[in-house]
Amino acid sequence: MSRYSRINIIRTPESPKLRYVNVIYPQIPLGSQDIYVYTTQGDRYDSLALTFYKDSSLWWIINRANPNQDSASLFPSVGAQLRIPAPVRLSSILSLYEKLNGII
């Protein structure tokens, strides 16, 4: 699945080129079932999402759950403790994402 497949696209008469609408990511509060891991050399948000969620396109959930990390980087700091929101919370997180981005 393309990481752009769920993003709205607009085209206006003034600008006939296709434009992607900016994505709004939800805040992800702490959960009692969240998992904590320490990163090692070579860890990436997409590979962690694949490991924990079986879907690398959900990298942004781990990224957003760790605001102390550089949100513009795909690589968390080596040795950092990351919070991985529990897989049982995915449906509520994705539902909020869809509401914020007008997908529903």
N, C-alpha and C. Protein backbone atom coordinates (compact mmCIF):
# COMPACT_ATOMS: atom_id res chain seq x y z
N MET A 1 0.84 -1.17 0.00
CA MET A 1 0.00 0.00 0.00
C MET A 1 0.89 1.24 0.00
N SER A 2 0.58 2.15 -0.88
CA SER A 2 1.33 3.39 -0.96
C SER A 2 1.06 4.25 0.28
N ARG A 3 2.07 4.91 0.77
CA ARG A 3 1.87 5.75 1.95
C ARG A 3 1.00 6.96 1.62
N TYR A 4 0.76 7.22 0.34
CA TYR A 4 -0.09 8.34 -0.07
C TYR A 4 -1.52 7.91 -0.39
N SER A 5 -1.83 6.63 -0.31
CA SER A 5 -3.13 6.15 -0.76
C SER A 5 -4.30 6.66 0.09
N ARG A 6 -4.06 7.04 1.33
CA ARG A 6 -5.14 7.50 2.20
C ARG A 6 -5.14 9.02 2.36
N ILE A 7 -4.36 9.73 1.58
CA ILE A 7 -4.27 11.18 1.69
C ILE A 7 -5.16 11.81 0.62
N ASN A 8 -5.93 12.81 1.03
CA ASN A 8 -6.80 13.51 0.09
C ASN A 8 -5.98 14.26 -0.96
N ILE A 9 -6.52 14.30 -2.17
CA ILE A 9 -5.88 15.00 -3.28
C ILE A 9 -6.85 16.07 -3.76
N ILE A 10 -6.33 17.25 -4.06
CA ILE A 10 -7.20 18.32 -4.57
C ILE A 10 -6.66 18.84 -5.89
N ARG A 11 -7.58 19.37 -6.67
CA ARG A 11 -7.25 20.04 -7.93
C ARG A 11 -8.22 21.20 -8.05
N THR A 12 -7.70 22.39 -8.27
CA THR A 12 -8.56 23.56 -8.40
C THR A 12 -8.40 24.14 -9.80
N PRO A 13 -9.39 24.92 -10.26
CA PRO A 13 -9.26 25.55 -11.58
C PRO A 13 -8.03 26.45 -11.68
N GLU A 14 -7.68 27.10 -10.56
CA GLU A 14 -6.51 27.99 -10.55
C GLU A 14 -5.21 27.20 -10.62
N SER A 15 -5.24 25.99 -10.09
CA SER A 15 -4.06 25.14 -10.06
C SER A 15 -4.46 23.73 -10.48
N PRO A 16 -4.45 23.46 -11.77
CA PRO A 16 -4.93 22.15 -12.25
C PRO A 16 -4.04 20.96 -11.89
N LYS A 17 -2.85 21.22 -11.39
CA LYS A 17 -2.00 20.12 -10.98
C LYS A 17 -2.57 19.47 -9.73
N LEU A 18 -2.35 18.17 -9.60
CA LEU A 18 -2.79 17.47 -8.40
C LEU A 18 -1.95 17.90 -7.22
N ARG A 19 -2.60 18.13 -6.11
CA ARG A 19 -1.91 18.53 -4.88
C ARG A 19 -2.38 17.62 -3.75
N TYR A 20 -1.44 17.18 -2.94
CA TYR A 20 -1.78 16.42 -1.76
C TYR A 20 -2.11 17.40 -0.64
N VAL A 21 -3.16 17.10 0.08
CA VAL A 21 -3.55 17.92 1.22
C VAL A 21 -2.63 17.55 2.39
N ASN A 22 -2.22 18.56 3.15
CA ASN A 22 -1.36 18.27 4.30
C ASN A 22 -2.04 17.29 5.24
N VAL A 23 -1.27 16.36 5.74
CA VAL A 23 -1.78 15.36 6.65
C VAL A 23 -1.74 15.90 8.08
N ILE A 24 -2.80 15.60 8.84
CA ILE A 24 -2.84 15.97 10.24
C ILE A 24 -2.73 14.69 11.05
N TYR A 25 -1.67 14.59 11.83
CA TYR A 25 -1.47 13.41 12.66
C TYR A 25 -2.02 13.67 14.05
N PRO A 26 -2.73 12.70 14.63
CA PRO A 26 -3.28 12.90 15.97
C PRO A 26 -2.22 12.80 17.06
N GLN A 27 -2.50 13.43 18.19
CA GLN A 27 -1.68 13.23 19.37
C GLN A 27 -1.99 11.83 19.89
N ILE A 28 -1.01 11.13 20.38
CA ILE A 28 -1.21 9.76 20.86
C ILE A 28 -0.90 9.73 22.35
N PRO A 29 -1.97 9.71 23.18
CA PRO A 29 -1.76 9.71 24.62
C PRO A 29 -1.19 8.40 25.13
N LEU A 30 -0.64 8.44 26.32
CA LEU A 30 -0.11 7.23 26.95
C LEU A 30 -1.22 6.21 27.14
N GLY A 31 -0.85 4.94 26.99
CA GLY A 31 -1.78 3.85 27.24
C GLY A 31 -1.15 2.86 28.20
N SER A 32 -1.97 2.24 29.02
CA SER A 32 -1.45 1.33 30.03
C SER A 32 -0.82 0.07 29.42
N GLN A 33 -1.17 -0.26 28.17
CA GLN A 33 -0.63 -1.45 27.53
C GLN A 33 0.51 -1.15 26.55
N ASP A 34 0.94 0.10 26.50
CA ASP A 34 2.01 0.48 25.58
C ASP A 34 3.28 -0.31 25.89
N ILE A 35 4.08 -0.49 24.86
CA ILE A 35 5.33 -1.26 24.95
C ILE A 35 6.49 -0.27 24.88
N TYR A 36 7.53 -0.52 25.64
CA TYR A 36 8.71 0.34 25.63
C TYR A 36 9.91 -0.49 25.17
N VAL A 37 10.66 0.07 24.24
CA VAL A 37 11.86 -0.61 23.72
C VAL A 37 13.01 0.38 23.69
N TYR A 38 14.23 -0.15 23.73
CA TYR A 38 15.42 0.67 23.52
C TYR A 38 15.90 0.41 22.11
N THR A 39 16.22 1.48 21.40
CA THR A 39 16.64 1.35 20.01
C THR A 39 18.09 0.92 19.90
N THR A 40 18.39 0.27 18.80
CA THR A 40 19.75 -0.14 18.48
C THR A 40 20.12 0.42 17.11
N GLN A 41 21.37 0.32 16.76
CA GLN A 41 21.86 0.81 15.47
C GLN A 41 21.03 0.17 14.35
N GLY A 42 20.53 0.99 13.44
CA GLY A 42 19.79 0.49 12.29
C GLY A 42 18.28 0.47 12.46
N ASP A 43 17.78 0.71 13.67
CA ASP A 43 16.33 0.76 13.86
C ASP A 43 15.75 1.94 13.10
N ARG A 44 14.60 1.70 12.50
CA ARG A 44 13.85 2.75 11.78
C ARG A 44 12.39 2.63 12.22
N TYR A 45 11.67 3.73 12.11
CA TYR A 45 10.27 3.71 12.51
C TYR A 45 9.46 2.74 11.66
N ASP A 46 9.74 2.67 10.37
CA ASP A 46 8.97 1.76 9.51
C ASP A 46 9.25 0.29 9.83
N SER A 47 10.50 -0.04 10.16
CA SER A 47 10.81 -1.43 10.49
C SER A 47 10.23 -1.81 11.86
N LEU A 48 10.19 -0.85 12.79
CA LEU A 48 9.56 -1.11 14.08
C LEU A 48 8.05 -1.31 13.91
N ALA A 49 7.44 -0.50 13.04
CA ALA A 49 6.00 -0.65 12.78
C ALA A 49 5.72 -2.01 12.13
N LEU A 50 6.58 -2.45 11.26
CA LEU A 50 6.41 -3.77 10.65
C LEU A 50 6.51 -4.86 11.71
N THR A 51 7.44 -4.73 12.63
CA THR A 51 7.62 -5.72 13.69
C THR A 51 6.42 -5.76 14.63
N PHE A 52 5.96 -4.60 15.07
CA PHE A 52 4.90 -4.57 16.08
C PHE A 52 3.49 -4.56 15.52
N TYR A 53 3.30 -3.98 14.31
CA TYR A 53 1.96 -3.84 13.74
C TYR A 53 1.76 -4.65 12.47
N LYS A 54 2.83 -5.27 11.96
CA LYS A 54 2.77 -6.02 10.69
C LYS A 54 2.40 -5.12 9.51
N ASP A 55 2.72 -3.82 9.63
CA ASP A 55 2.43 -2.85 8.58
C ASP A 55 3.40 -1.67 8.71
N SER A 56 4.35 -1.60 7.78
CA SER A 56 5.37 -0.55 7.86
C SER A 56 4.81 0.85 7.61
N SER A 57 3.63 0.96 6.97
CA SER A 57 3.06 2.28 6.69
C SER A 57 2.55 2.96 7.97
N LEU A 58 2.51 2.25 9.07
CA LEU A 58 2.06 2.83 10.34
C LEU A 58 3.22 3.39 11.15
N TRP A 59 4.34 3.66 10.48
CA TRP A 59 5.53 4.21 11.13
C TRP A 59 5.21 5.49 11.90
N TRP A 60 4.28 6.28 11.38
CA TRP A 60 3.98 7.59 11.96
C TRP A 60 3.40 7.46 13.36
N ILE A 61 2.76 6.34 13.68
CA ILE A 61 2.20 6.16 15.01
C ILE A 61 3.32 6.13 16.05
N ILE A 62 4.36 5.37 15.76
CA ILE A 62 5.50 5.30 16.69
C ILE A 62 6.22 6.64 16.74
N ASN A 63 6.37 7.26 15.60
CA ASN A 63 7.02 8.57 15.53
C ASN A 63 6.27 9.60 16.36
N ARG A 64 4.95 9.67 16.22
CA ARG A 64 4.14 10.65 16.95
C ARG A 64 4.04 10.34 18.44
N ALA A 65 4.18 9.08 18.80
CA ALA A 65 4.11 8.70 20.21
C ALA A 65 5.38 9.07 20.97
N ASN A 66 6.39 9.51 20.25
CA ASN A 66 7.68 9.85 20.86
C ASN A 66 8.10 11.26 20.46
N PRO A 67 7.44 12.28 21.02
CA PRO A 67 7.73 13.65 20.62
C PRO A 67 9.13 14.13 20.98
N ASN A 68 9.84 13.39 21.82
CA ASN A 68 11.21 13.76 22.18
C ASN A 68 12.21 13.39 21.08
N GLN A 69 11.75 12.66 20.06
CA GLN A 69 12.60 12.28 18.93
C GLN A 69 12.38 13.26 17.78
N ASP A 70 13.33 13.31 16.85
CA ASP A 70 13.22 14.18 15.68
C ASP A 70 12.12 13.64 14.76
N SER A 71 11.02 14.37 14.65
CA SER A 71 9.88 13.90 13.86
C SER A 71 10.16 13.92 12.35
N ALA A 72 11.21 14.59 11.93
CA ALA A 72 11.53 14.65 10.51
C ALA A 72 12.44 13.50 10.07
N SER A 73 12.88 12.70 11.01
CA SER A 73 13.80 11.62 10.70
C SER A 73 13.10 10.26 10.76
N LEU A 74 13.50 9.36 9.88
CA LEU A 74 12.98 7.99 9.91
C LEU A 74 13.74 7.15 10.93
N PHE A 75 14.86 7.67 11.43
CA PHE A 75 15.71 6.94 12.37
C PHE A 75 15.62 7.55 13.77
N PRO A 76 15.17 6.78 14.76
CA PRO A 76 15.23 7.29 16.13
C PRO A 76 16.68 7.27 16.63
N SER A 77 16.95 8.03 17.66
CA SER A 77 18.29 8.05 18.23
C SER A 77 18.66 6.67 18.77
N VAL A 78 19.89 6.27 18.53
CA VAL A 78 20.37 4.98 19.03
C VAL A 78 20.41 5.02 20.56
N GLY A 79 19.86 4.00 21.20
CA GLY A 79 19.84 3.91 22.65
C GLY A 79 18.66 4.61 23.30
N ALA A 80 17.80 5.21 22.47
CA ALA A 80 16.64 5.92 23.02
C ALA A 80 15.55 4.93 23.43
N GLN A 81 14.83 5.28 24.46
CA GLN A 81 13.68 4.47 24.85
C GLN A 81 12.48 4.99 24.07
N LEU A 82 11.85 4.11 23.29
CA LEU A 82 10.69 4.49 22.50
C LEU A 82 9.44 3.85 23.08
N ARG A 83 8.36 4.60 23.00
CA ARG A 83 7.06 4.07 23.38
C ARG A 83 6.37 3.58 22.12
N ILE A 84 5.95 2.33 22.13
CA ILE A 84 5.21 1.74 21.01
C ILE A 84 3.77 1.59 21.48
N PRO A 85 2.84 2.39 20.94
CA PRO A 85 1.45 2.22 21.35
C PRO A 85 1.00 0.78 21.10
N ALA A 86 0.29 0.22 22.05
CA ALA A 86 -0.13 -1.17 21.98
C ALA A 86 -0.94 -1.44 20.71
N PRO A 87 -0.69 -2.58 20.07
CA PRO A 87 -1.44 -2.93 18.86
C PRO A 87 -2.96 -2.93 19.04
N VAL A 88 -3.45 -3.20 20.25
CA VAL A 88 -4.89 -3.18 20.48
C VAL A 88 -5.47 -1.76 20.35
N ARG A 89 -4.63 -0.75 20.37
CA ARG A 89 -5.07 0.65 20.25
C ARG A 89 -5.10 1.14 18.81
N LEU A 90 -4.62 0.34 17.87
CA LEU A 90 -4.50 0.79 16.48
C LEU A 90 -5.82 1.28 15.90
N SER A 91 -6.89 0.57 16.11
CA SER A 91 -8.16 0.96 15.49
C SER A 91 -8.61 2.34 15.96
N SER A 92 -8.45 2.65 17.23
CA SER A 92 -8.86 3.97 17.72
C SER A 92 -7.93 5.07 17.20
N ILE A 93 -6.64 4.78 17.11
CA ILE A 93 -5.69 5.76 16.58
C ILE A 93 -5.98 6.03 15.10
N LEU A 94 -6.20 4.98 14.33
CA LEU A 94 -6.49 5.14 12.90
C LEU A 94 -7.82 5.82 12.67
N SER A 95 -8.78 5.56 13.51
CA SER A 95 -10.08 6.22 13.40
C SER A 95 -9.94 7.73 13.62
N LEU A 96 -9.17 8.12 14.61
CA LEU A 96 -8.93 9.53 14.87
C LEU A 96 -8.18 10.17 13.70
N TYR A 97 -7.19 9.48 13.17
CA TYR A 97 -6.45 9.97 12.00
C TYR A 97 -7.41 10.24 10.83
N GLU A 98 -8.31 9.30 10.59
CA GLU A 98 -9.26 9.45 9.47
C GLU A 98 -10.21 10.62 9.71
N LYS A 99 -10.67 10.82 10.94
CA LYS A 99 -11.54 11.95 11.23
C LYS A 99 -10.82 13.28 11.02
N LEU A 100 -9.58 13.36 11.50
CA LEU A 100 -8.81 14.60 11.36
C LEU A 100 -8.52 14.94 9.90
N ASN A 101 -8.42 13.93 9.06
CA ASN A 101 -8.06 14.16 7.66
C ASN A 101 -9.24 14.04 6.71
N GLY A 102 -10.46 13.96 7.24
CA GLY A 102 -11.65 13.93 6.41
C GLY A 102 -11.79 12.69 5.55
N ILE A 103 -11.25 11.60 6.02
CA ILE A 103 -11.30 10.36 5.24
C ILE A 103 -12.61 9.63 5.48
N ILE A 104 -13.18 9.80 6.64
CA ILE A 104 -14.43 9.09 6.99
C ILE A 104 -15.60 9.79 6.34
